[in-house]
């Protein structure tokens, strides 16, 4: 058996579903998101808050929601937790001749300031070593791990 070919998301969903007594659960593959950089204190606190919110939703039988955490500029103790109905993010698209509910695409605005800033620098960035990785930034916590 090739362990790398095990669909861990589906396995986890099936295990959680069996433990909680059945039901339908949505899986998500955290491929690139999980490998992109070393986590900071903010990352750890944010993901813990999302996890606690998800657990509270499951414990209260709420399904069909995406977890949300707000007030992120404040101390984590002052963050707010909430949930957004997944249906509020959906639209109907025609696929293979049939209307299908899908999460609507969020396209890049090629006239917006963020893309224009990228566009101005990408020629230089393509030929110069303009990238520096200082490690994860620690926004709060003990001084010995602050960035």
Protein backbone atom coordinates (compact mmCIF):
# COMPACT_ATOMS: atom_id res chain seq x y z
CA UNK A 1 0.00 0.00 0.00
CA UNK A 2 1.31 3.43 -0.92
CA UNK A 3 0.65 5.55 2.14
CA UNK A 4 1.06 8.75 0.10
CA UNK A 5 -1.97 7.73 -1.98
CA UNK A 6 -4.32 7.43 1.00
CA UNK A 7 -7.04 10.06 0.67
CA UNK A 8 -6.53 11.35 4.22
CA UNK A 9 -9.28 13.98 3.96
CA UNK A 10 -11.90 11.38 3.04
CA UNK A 11 -10.57 9.00 5.71
CA UNK A 12 -10.77 11.72 8.37
CA UNK A 13 -14.29 12.71 7.31
CA UNK A 14 -15.44 9.07 7.40
CA UNK A 15 -13.87 8.53 10.82
CA UNK A 16 -15.38 11.72 12.27
CA UNK A 17 -18.75 10.86 10.72
CA UNK A 18 -18.69 7.39 12.24
CA UNK A 19 -17.67 8.75 15.63
CA UNK A 20 -20.43 11.39 15.57
CA UNK A 21 -23.05 8.91 14.40
CA UNK A 22 -23.22 9.53 10.67
CA UNK A 23 -24.23 12.54 8.65
CA UNK A 24 -22.62 14.36 5.75
CA UNK A 25 -19.43 16.36 6.24
CA UNK A 26 -17.42 18.55 3.89
CA UNK A 27 -13.75 17.79 3.43
CA UNK A 28 -11.02 20.21 2.37
CA UNK A 29 -7.48 19.45 1.21
CA UNK A 30 -4.96 21.75 2.87
CA UNK A 31 -2.17 21.00 0.40
CA UNK A 32 -0.31 24.17 -0.47
CA UNK A 33 -1.86 26.08 2.43
CA UNK A 34 -0.34 23.62 4.88
CA UNK A 35 3.13 23.69 3.32
CA UNK A 36 3.60 27.31 2.34
CA UNK A 37 5.51 28.73 5.33
CA UNK A 38 6.46 28.21 8.92
CA UNK A 39 3.55 29.25 11.18
CA UNK A 40 3.66 32.36 13.32
CA UNK A 41 1.94 32.88 16.67
CA UNK A 42 -0.87 34.54 14.72
CA UNK A 43 -1.24 31.46 12.51
CA UNK A 44 -1.41 29.15 15.53
CA UNK A 45 -3.96 31.30 17.35
CA UNK A 46 -6.07 31.81 14.21
CA UNK A 47 -6.24 28.13 13.31
CA UNK A 48 -7.02 27.23 16.92
CA UNK A 49 -9.88 29.76 16.89
CA UNK A 50 -11.22 28.32 13.62
CA UNK A 51 -10.99 24.81 15.09
CA UNK A 52 -12.83 25.79 18.28
CA UNK A 53 -15.52 27.50 16.22
CA UNK A 54 -15.92 24.41 14.03
CA UNK A 55 -16.16 22.19 17.12
CA UNK A 56 -18.83 24.44 18.64
CA UNK A 57 -20.86 24.30 15.42
CA UNK A 58 -20.64 20.50 15.29
CA UNK A 59 -21.47 20.19 18.99
CA UNK A 60 -24.63 22.23 18.45
CA UNK A 61 -25.69 20.34 15.33
CA UNK A 62 -25.05 23.24 12.96
CA UNK A 63 -24.03 22.20 9.46
CA UNK A 64 -23.68 24.05 6.20
CA UNK A 65 -21.54 26.85 7.64
CA UNK A 66 -18.01 28.16 7.13
CA UNK A 67 -16.23 29.33 10.28
CA UNK A 68 -15.24 32.97 10.55
CA UNK A 69 -13.03 34.78 13.05
CA UNK A 70 -13.12 38.56 13.33
CA UNK A 71 -11.47 41.45 15.17
CA UNK A 72 -8.08 39.99 14.21
CA UNK A 73 -6.13 43.19 14.88
CA UNK A 74 -6.95 42.85 18.59
CA UNK A 75 -5.49 40.48 21.16
CA UNK A 76 -6.70 36.90 20.49
CA UNK A 77 -8.78 36.99 23.68
CA UNK A 78 -10.87 39.73 22.01
CA UNK A 79 -11.38 37.94 18.70
CA UNK A 80 -14.95 37.15 17.69
CA UNK A 81 -16.14 33.83 16.32
CA UNK A 82 -18.97 33.33 13.90
CA UNK A 83 -20.22 31.29 10.99
CA UNK A 84 -21.32 32.11 7.45
CA UNK A 85 -23.94 29.95 5.72
CA UNK A 86 -22.22 28.29 2.78
CA UNK A 87 -25.31 28.94 0.65
CA UNK A 88 -24.64 32.69 0.89
CA UNK A 89 -21.40 32.12 -1.03
CA UNK A 90 -23.00 30.05 -3.76
CA UNK A 91 -24.33 30.78 -7.20
CA UNK A 92 -25.76 28.64 -9.97
CA UNK A 93 -23.62 27.77 -12.99
CA UNK A 94 -24.45 25.58 -15.95
CA UNK A 95 -22.15 22.57 -16.13
CA UNK A 96 -22.64 19.83 -18.70
CA UNK A 97 -25.95 21.43 -19.58
CA UNK A 98 -27.36 21.34 -16.05
CA UNK A 99 -27.67 24.09 -13.42
CA UNK A 100 -25.34 23.28 -10.52
CA UNK A 101 -24.81 25.14 -7.22
CA UNK A 102 -21.16 26.20 -6.90
CA UNK A 103 -19.08 28.56 -4.81
CA UNK A 104 -18.75 31.60 -7.03
CA UNK A 105 -15.27 32.39 -8.35
CA UNK A 106 -13.45 35.43 -7.03
CA UNK A 107 -11.50 36.75 -10.00
CA UNK A 108 -8.52 39.10 -9.80
CA UNK A 109 -9.42 42.68 -10.70
CA UNK A 110 -6.81 43.50 -13.34
CA UNK A 111 -7.55 47.21 -12.94
CA UNK A 112 -7.26 47.26 -9.16
CA UNK A 113 -4.44 48.69 -7.07
CA UNK A 114 -3.13 45.32 -5.77
CA UNK A 115 -2.67 43.92 -9.29
CA UNK A 116 -1.23 47.20 -10.57
CA UNK A 117 1.39 47.13 -7.79
CA UNK A 118 2.26 43.55 -8.71
CA UNK A 119 2.39 44.42 -12.41
CA UNK A 120 4.83 47.29 -11.76
CA UNK A 121 7.28 45.09 -9.88
CA UNK A 122 7.08 41.74 -11.64
CA UNK A 123 9.54 42.59 -14.43
CA UNK A 124 12.25 43.44 -11.89
CA UNK A 125 11.35 40.56 -9.59
CA UNK A 126 11.70 38.13 -12.48
CA UNK A 127 15.39 38.92 -12.99
CA UNK A 128 16.63 40.10 -9.58
CA UNK A 129 16.94 38.28 -6.30
CA UNK A 130 14.47 40.51 -4.51
CA UNK A 131 13.08 37.88 -2.15
CA UNK A 132 14.10 37.52 1.47
CA UNK A 133 12.57 35.01 3.90
CA UNK A 134 13.16 36.23 7.46
CA UNK A 135 11.15 33.37 8.98
CA UNK A 136 7.73 33.61 10.54
CA UNK A 137 6.84 36.96 12.02
CA UNK A 138 5.81 36.72 15.66
CA UNK A 139 3.29 39.47 16.30
CA UNK A 140 2.93 38.83 20.01
CA UNK A 141 4.19 36.47 22.68
CA UNK A 142 7.46 36.09 24.56
CA UNK A 143 10.25 38.44 23.45
CA UNK A 144 12.60 35.54 22.71
CA UNK A 145 10.42 34.46 19.76
CA UNK A 146 9.32 37.90 18.54
CA UNK A 147 10.29 38.72 14.94
